[in-house]
Structures are given as structure tokens and as C-alpha cells.
N, C-alpha and C. Protein backbone atom coordinates (compact mmCIF):
# COMPACT_ATOMS: atom_id res chain seq x y z
N MET A 1 0.83 -1.19 0.00
CA MET A 1 0.00 0.00 0.00
C MET A 1 0.87 1.26 0.00
N LYS A 2 1.93 1.27 0.83
CA LYS A 2 2.80 2.44 0.90
C LYS A 2 3.48 2.68 -0.45
N GLU A 3 3.90 1.59 -1.11
CA GLU A 3 4.56 1.72 -2.43
C GLU A 3 3.60 2.33 -3.44
N ARG A 4 2.33 1.95 -3.38
CA ARG A 4 1.34 2.50 -4.30
C ARG A 4 1.17 4.01 -4.08
N ASN A 5 1.18 4.44 -2.81
CA ASN A 5 1.06 5.87 -2.51
C ASN A 5 2.26 6.64 -3.05
N LEU A 6 3.46 6.06 -2.93
CA LEU A 6 4.65 6.73 -3.46
C LEU A 6 4.58 6.83 -4.97
N THR A 7 4.08 5.79 -5.63
CA THR A 7 3.94 5.82 -7.08
C THR A 7 2.93 6.90 -7.50
N PHE A 8 1.81 6.99 -6.78
CA PHE A 8 0.81 8.02 -7.08
C PHE A 8 1.41 9.40 -6.90
N LYS A 9 2.15 9.60 -5.79
CA LYS A 9 2.80 10.90 -5.55
C LYS A 9 3.78 11.24 -6.66
N ARG A 10 4.54 10.26 -7.11
CA ARG A 10 5.51 10.49 -8.18
C ARG A 10 4.78 10.87 -9.47
N LEU A 11 3.72 10.15 -9.78
CA LEU A 11 2.94 10.46 -10.98
C LEU A 11 2.34 11.86 -10.91
N ILE A 12 1.80 12.22 -9.75
CA ILE A 12 1.21 13.55 -9.58
C ILE A 12 2.29 14.62 -9.69
N GLY A 13 3.45 14.36 -9.08
CA GLY A 13 4.56 15.31 -9.16
C GLY A 13 5.01 15.52 -10.59
N ASP A 14 5.15 14.42 -11.33
CA ASP A 14 5.56 14.51 -12.73
C ASP A 14 4.51 15.25 -13.56
N LYS A 15 3.24 14.98 -13.26
CA LYS A 15 2.16 15.66 -13.97
C LYS A 15 2.19 17.17 -13.70
N GLY A 16 2.46 17.54 -12.45
CA GLY A 16 2.55 18.95 -12.09
C GLY A 16 3.71 19.63 -12.78
N GLU A 17 4.84 18.94 -12.85
CA GLU A 17 6.01 19.51 -13.52
C GLU A 17 5.76 19.67 -15.01
N GLU A 18 5.12 18.68 -15.61
CA GLU A 18 4.81 18.74 -17.04
C GLU A 18 3.84 19.89 -17.33
N ALA A 19 2.81 20.03 -16.50
CA ALA A 19 1.84 21.12 -16.68
C ALA A 19 2.51 22.48 -16.50
N SER A 20 3.44 22.57 -15.57
CA SER A 20 4.17 23.83 -15.34
C SER A 20 5.00 24.20 -16.56
N ALA A 21 5.71 23.21 -17.11
CA ALA A 21 6.54 23.45 -18.30
C ALA A 21 5.67 23.89 -19.48
N LYS A 22 4.50 23.26 -19.64
CA LYS A 22 3.60 23.63 -20.73
C LYS A 22 3.09 25.06 -20.55
N LEU A 23 2.70 25.41 -19.33
CA LEU A 23 2.22 26.76 -19.06
C LEU A 23 3.31 27.79 -19.33
N LEU A 24 4.53 27.51 -18.90
CA LEU A 24 5.64 28.42 -19.17
C LEU A 24 5.82 28.61 -20.68
N HIS A 25 5.82 27.50 -21.41
CA HIS A 25 5.95 27.56 -22.87
C HIS A 25 4.85 28.41 -23.47
N ASP A 26 3.62 28.19 -23.01
CA ASP A 26 2.47 28.95 -23.53
C ASP A 26 2.58 30.44 -23.22
N LYS A 27 3.32 30.79 -22.17
CA LYS A 27 3.50 32.20 -21.79
C LYS A 27 4.74 32.80 -22.44
N GLY A 28 5.37 32.05 -23.36
CA GLY A 28 6.48 32.60 -24.11
C GLY A 28 7.87 32.30 -23.55
N PHE A 29 7.94 31.45 -22.55
CA PHE A 29 9.23 31.05 -22.00
C PHE A 29 9.85 29.97 -22.88
N THR A 30 11.16 29.94 -22.92
CA THR A 30 11.87 28.84 -23.55
C THR A 30 12.38 27.94 -22.43
N ILE A 31 11.98 26.68 -22.47
CA ILE A 31 12.46 25.73 -21.47
C ILE A 31 13.88 25.33 -21.87
N ILE A 32 14.84 25.66 -21.03
CA ILE A 32 16.23 25.34 -21.32
C ILE A 32 16.54 23.91 -20.93
N THR A 33 16.15 23.55 -19.72
CA THR A 33 16.39 22.19 -19.25
C THR A 33 15.43 21.87 -18.11
N ARG A 34 15.25 20.60 -17.89
CA ARG A 34 14.43 20.12 -16.78
C ARG A 34 15.25 19.12 -15.98
N ASN A 35 15.01 19.12 -14.69
CA ASN A 35 15.67 18.19 -13.77
C ASN A 35 17.20 18.26 -13.86
N TYR A 36 17.70 19.47 -13.87
CA TYR A 36 19.15 19.70 -13.87
C TYR A 36 19.68 19.37 -12.48
N SER A 37 20.65 18.47 -12.40
CA SER A 37 21.15 18.09 -11.09
C SER A 37 22.67 18.08 -11.06
N VAL A 38 23.18 18.34 -9.87
CA VAL A 38 24.61 18.28 -9.61
C VAL A 38 24.77 17.29 -8.45
N HIS A 39 25.56 16.25 -8.68
CA HIS A 39 25.76 15.20 -7.68
C HIS A 39 26.19 15.79 -6.34
N ASN A 40 25.54 15.37 -5.29
CA ASN A 40 25.83 15.80 -3.91
C ASN A 40 25.59 17.29 -3.66
N VAL A 41 24.87 17.96 -4.57
CA VAL A 41 24.57 19.38 -4.37
C VAL A 41 23.06 19.59 -4.36
N GLY A 42 22.41 19.31 -5.49
CA GLY A 42 20.97 19.52 -5.56
C GLY A 42 20.43 19.37 -6.97
N GLU A 43 19.15 19.72 -7.10
CA GLU A 43 18.46 19.57 -8.38
C GLU A 43 17.52 20.76 -8.58
N ILE A 44 17.39 21.17 -9.83
CA ILE A 44 16.47 22.23 -10.22
C ILE A 44 15.45 21.61 -11.16
N ASP A 45 14.17 21.80 -10.85
CA ASP A 45 13.11 21.17 -11.65
C ASP A 45 13.06 21.72 -13.07
N ILE A 46 13.02 23.04 -13.21
CA ILE A 46 12.93 23.66 -14.53
C ILE A 46 13.83 24.88 -14.58
N ILE A 47 14.58 25.01 -15.66
CA ILE A 47 15.32 26.23 -15.95
C ILE A 47 14.77 26.75 -17.27
N ALA A 48 14.29 27.99 -17.24
CA ALA A 48 13.66 28.57 -18.42
C ALA A 48 14.22 29.97 -18.66
N GLU A 49 13.98 30.47 -19.88
CA GLU A 49 14.47 31.80 -20.25
C GLU A 49 13.33 32.60 -20.86
N LYS A 50 13.28 33.88 -20.50
CA LYS A 50 12.33 34.80 -21.14
C LYS A 50 12.89 36.21 -21.03
N ASP A 51 12.89 36.90 -22.15
CA ASP A 51 13.36 38.29 -22.20
C ASP A 51 14.77 38.44 -21.63
N GLY A 52 15.61 37.45 -21.85
CA GLY A 52 16.99 37.51 -21.39
C GLY A 52 17.21 37.10 -19.96
N ASP A 53 16.13 36.92 -19.20
CA ASP A 53 16.26 36.48 -17.81
C ASP A 53 16.22 34.96 -17.73
N ILE A 54 16.98 34.42 -16.78
CA ILE A 54 16.98 32.98 -16.53
C ILE A 54 16.11 32.73 -15.30
N HIS A 55 15.10 31.88 -15.44
CA HIS A 55 14.19 31.55 -14.36
C HIS A 55 14.53 30.17 -13.81
N ILE A 56 14.79 30.13 -12.51
CA ILE A 56 15.10 28.89 -11.80
C ILE A 56 13.83 28.53 -11.04
N LEU A 57 13.21 27.40 -11.39
CA LEU A 57 11.89 27.08 -10.88
C LEU A 57 11.86 25.76 -10.11
N GLU A 58 11.36 25.84 -8.90
CA GLU A 58 11.13 24.67 -8.05
C GLU A 58 9.64 24.39 -8.09
N VAL A 59 9.26 23.23 -8.61
CA VAL A 59 7.84 22.88 -8.76
C VAL A 59 7.39 22.08 -7.53
N ARG A 60 6.30 22.52 -6.93
CA ARG A 60 5.71 21.83 -5.80
C ARG A 60 4.25 21.54 -6.10
N THR A 61 3.91 20.26 -6.12
CA THR A 61 2.54 19.84 -6.43
C THR A 61 1.90 19.33 -5.15
N ARG A 62 0.79 19.92 -4.77
CA ARG A 62 0.13 19.59 -3.51
C ARG A 62 -1.38 19.63 -3.67
N GLN A 63 -2.02 18.91 -2.77
CA GLN A 63 -3.47 18.99 -2.68
C GLN A 63 -3.86 20.13 -1.74
N ASN A 64 -2.85 20.75 -1.14
CA ASN A 64 -3.00 21.88 -0.21
C ASN A 64 -3.78 21.51 1.05
N ARG A 65 -3.28 20.46 1.67
CA ARG A 65 -3.78 20.08 3.00
C ARG A 65 -2.61 19.38 3.71
N GLY A 66 -2.68 19.26 5.00
CA GLY A 66 -1.62 18.57 5.72
C GLY A 66 -0.60 19.52 6.31
N THR A 67 0.64 19.04 6.46
CA THR A 67 1.69 19.79 7.13
C THR A 67 1.99 21.11 6.45
N TYR A 68 2.08 21.10 5.13
CA TYR A 68 2.37 22.31 4.37
C TYR A 68 1.20 22.59 3.44
N PRO A 69 0.15 23.26 3.95
CA PRO A 69 -1.01 23.49 3.09
C PRO A 69 -0.70 24.37 1.88
N ASP A 70 0.28 25.24 2.00
CA ASP A 70 0.69 26.08 0.88
C ASP A 70 1.97 25.47 0.31
N SER A 71 1.96 25.16 -0.95
CA SER A 71 3.11 24.49 -1.58
C SER A 71 4.41 25.25 -1.39
N ALA A 72 4.36 26.56 -1.44
CA ALA A 72 5.58 27.36 -1.29
C ALA A 72 6.19 27.18 0.09
N GLU A 73 5.36 26.95 1.11
CA GLU A 73 5.86 26.74 2.46
C GLU A 73 6.68 25.46 2.58
N SER A 74 6.47 24.53 1.67
CA SER A 74 7.19 23.26 1.73
C SER A 74 8.63 23.38 1.23
N VAL A 75 9.00 24.53 0.68
CA VAL A 75 10.37 24.75 0.24
C VAL A 75 11.14 25.31 1.44
N THR A 76 11.85 24.42 2.10
CA THR A 76 12.56 24.79 3.32
C THR A 76 13.81 25.62 3.00
N ALA A 77 14.38 26.20 4.04
CA ALA A 77 15.62 26.97 3.87
C ALA A 77 16.72 26.08 3.31
N SER A 78 16.77 24.84 3.75
CA SER A 78 17.77 23.90 3.25
C SER A 78 17.59 23.66 1.75
N LYS A 79 16.35 23.47 1.32
CA LYS A 79 16.07 23.25 -0.10
C LYS A 79 16.43 24.49 -0.91
N ARG A 80 16.14 25.66 -0.39
CA ARG A 80 16.49 26.91 -1.08
C ARG A 80 18.00 27.01 -1.29
N ARG A 81 18.75 26.69 -0.24
CA ARG A 81 20.21 26.73 -0.36
C ARG A 81 20.71 25.76 -1.42
N LYS A 82 20.14 24.56 -1.45
CA LYS A 82 20.54 23.56 -2.45
C LYS A 82 20.24 24.03 -3.86
N VAL A 83 19.07 24.62 -4.05
CA VAL A 83 18.69 25.12 -5.38
C VAL A 83 19.64 26.25 -5.79
N MET A 84 19.92 27.16 -4.87
CA MET A 84 20.82 28.28 -5.20
C MET A 84 22.24 27.79 -5.50
N LYS A 85 22.72 26.81 -4.74
CA LYS A 85 24.06 26.27 -4.99
C LYS A 85 24.08 25.55 -6.35
N THR A 86 23.03 24.83 -6.66
CA THR A 86 22.94 24.14 -7.95
C THR A 86 22.90 25.16 -9.09
N ALA A 87 22.19 26.26 -8.89
CA ALA A 87 22.13 27.33 -9.89
C ALA A 87 23.51 27.92 -10.13
N GLU A 88 24.32 28.02 -9.08
CA GLU A 88 25.69 28.52 -9.24
C GLU A 88 26.47 27.63 -10.22
N TYR A 89 26.32 26.33 -10.08
CA TYR A 89 26.99 25.40 -11.01
C TYR A 89 26.49 25.61 -12.43
N TYR A 90 25.17 25.80 -12.58
CA TYR A 90 24.60 26.00 -13.91
C TYR A 90 25.14 27.27 -14.55
N VAL A 91 25.20 28.35 -13.79
CA VAL A 91 25.74 29.62 -14.29
C VAL A 91 27.19 29.44 -14.71
N LEU A 92 27.97 28.76 -13.88
CA LEU A 92 29.39 28.52 -14.18
C LEU A 92 29.55 27.69 -15.46
N GLU A 93 28.81 26.60 -15.56
CA GLU A 93 28.91 25.70 -16.72
C GLU A 93 28.51 26.39 -18.02
N ASN A 94 27.59 27.35 -17.93
CA ASN A 94 27.03 27.97 -19.13
C ASN A 94 27.43 29.42 -19.32
N ASP A 95 28.39 29.89 -18.52
CA ASP A 95 28.92 31.24 -18.64
C ASP A 95 27.80 32.28 -18.70
N LEU A 96 26.94 32.27 -17.68
CA LEU A 96 25.77 33.15 -17.66
C LEU A 96 25.89 34.26 -16.62
N TYR A 97 27.10 34.69 -16.34
CA TYR A 97 27.33 35.69 -15.30
C TYR A 97 26.64 37.02 -15.58
N ASP A 98 26.39 37.31 -16.84
CA ASP A 98 25.77 38.60 -17.19
C ASP A 98 24.24 38.53 -17.23
N ARG A 99 23.66 37.40 -16.85
CA ARG A 99 22.21 37.22 -16.92
C ARG A 99 21.56 37.40 -15.56
N ASN A 100 20.35 37.92 -15.58
CA ASN A 100 19.56 38.07 -14.36
C ASN A 100 18.92 36.72 -14.03
N LEU A 101 19.09 36.25 -12.79
CA LEU A 101 18.47 35.00 -12.35
C LEU A 101 17.24 35.33 -11.51
N ILE A 102 16.15 34.65 -11.81
CA ILE A 102 14.91 34.82 -11.05
C ILE A 102 14.54 33.46 -10.48
N PHE A 103 14.45 33.38 -9.16
CA PHE A 103 14.10 32.14 -8.48
C PHE A 103 12.62 32.17 -8.12
N GLU A 104 11.89 31.12 -8.48
CA GLU A 104 10.46 31.05 -8.21
C GLU A 104 10.05 29.65 -7.79
N VAL A 105 8.98 29.60 -7.01
CA VAL A 105 8.33 28.33 -6.70
C VAL A 105 7.07 28.27 -7.56
N VAL A 106 6.89 27.15 -8.23
CA VAL A 106 5.67 26.94 -9.00
C VAL A 106 4.76 26.07 -8.13
N MET A 107 3.66 26.65 -7.70
CA MET A 107 2.72 25.94 -6.83
C MET A 107 1.62 25.34 -7.71
N VAL A 108 1.60 24.02 -7.77
CA VAL A 108 0.59 23.30 -8.55
C VAL A 108 -0.39 22.68 -7.55
N THR A 109 -1.65 23.04 -7.68
CA THR A 109 -2.69 22.52 -6.78
C THR A 109 -3.53 21.50 -7.55
N HIS A 110 -3.77 20.35 -6.90
CA HIS A 110 -4.58 19.31 -7.55
C HIS A 110 -5.67 18.82 -6.60
N ASP A 111 -6.64 18.10 -7.16
CA ASP A 111 -7.69 17.52 -6.33
C ASP A 111 -7.29 16.09 -5.93
N LYS A 112 -8.18 15.38 -5.24
CA LYS A 112 -7.86 14.03 -4.74
C LYS A 112 -7.51 13.05 -5.85
N GLN A 113 -8.08 13.25 -7.03
CA GLN A 113 -7.82 12.36 -8.16
C GLN A 113 -6.55 12.74 -8.93
N GLY A 114 -5.96 13.87 -8.58
CA GLY A 114 -4.74 14.29 -9.25
C GLY A 114 -4.97 15.26 -10.39
N ASN A 115 -6.20 15.71 -10.56
CA ASN A 115 -6.50 16.70 -11.60
C ASN A 115 -5.97 18.06 -11.17
N ILE A 116 -5.25 18.71 -12.04
CA ILE A 116 -4.66 20.01 -11.70
C ILE A 116 -5.74 21.09 -11.70
N LEU A 117 -5.80 21.82 -10.59
CA LEU A 117 -6.80 22.86 -10.42
C LEU A 117 -6.25 24.24 -10.74
N ARG A 118 -4.99 24.50 -10.36
CA ARG A 118 -4.39 25.80 -10.63
C ARG A 118 -2.88 25.73 -10.51
N ILE A 119 -2.24 26.69 -11.15
CA ILE A 119 -0.78 26.83 -11.09
C ILE A 119 -0.47 28.29 -10.79
N ASP A 120 0.32 28.49 -9.74
CA ASP A 120 0.71 29.84 -9.33
C ASP A 120 2.22 29.93 -9.25
N PHE A 121 2.75 31.12 -9.50
CA PHE A 121 4.18 31.36 -9.41
C PHE A 121 4.41 32.35 -8.27
N VAL A 122 5.33 32.03 -7.36
CA VAL A 122 5.65 32.93 -6.26
C VAL A 122 7.16 33.09 -6.19
N PRO A 123 7.61 34.27 -5.78
CA PRO A 123 9.07 34.47 -5.65
C PRO A 123 9.65 33.49 -4.63
N PHE A 124 10.86 33.10 -4.88
CA PHE A 124 11.59 32.17 -4.04
C PHE A 124 11.94 32.88 -2.77
């Protein structure tokens, strides 16, 4: 039973990330990469570009109940540090020192069945 719940959570998370990437694309963003990771440092869900700015996006998919009813609240200080450190590696690897970085949490809200109800962007 526990394994099934983890699989459902993974599917819902992937669905939220996919919907976020599609919404960004529809709003004129270019998706540069998804799931960018640096071993023993961290992972960034989506890196996108628009109007010369680089957007570093942490996607959180929630039903908005429980310990962290607001998805953005679930991004702890530790997670923020990991994302920022991972972004440093990305900037270094891609020589993006002259670009503006914008860190955001993408809050994806779904119902009990996993249907996406809304997507919001909040500053990191």
C-alpha cells in the first residue's frame, strides 16, 4: 500500500512539472532544461528563459492540506540553499554571469484524483 502511494505521488509530481513546463511555454518562455542536477549538491526542476532572464523554478505539487497546506511553504531553507548552490553550477557551466536570475516556486494545486486545479508562481 505504501509503495502505491509513493507511485501516485511520483505520478502527480511529474504531472505537475509537465503542466508547469507547458504553461511556461504557452507564456512565451523557452524551457532550457528540466531536472538539472549536480551530484551531492541539488536539483532544479525547470530552468527557463524569457526576455533575457533565466528563471530557476522549483515545482511543488500539492493537494493543499496537511503539514504544508501552501506548496511554497514546503520549500525549506535547506532546499532553497541547495537550489541556489545548484544554480551557481549551472551559471558557471554555461557562462551566464551577465544574466539576471529569477528564483520562483511553481505551486501546482490538484484535487484528490490528481487533476490540476491551478498553477501559481511565487518568488523564491
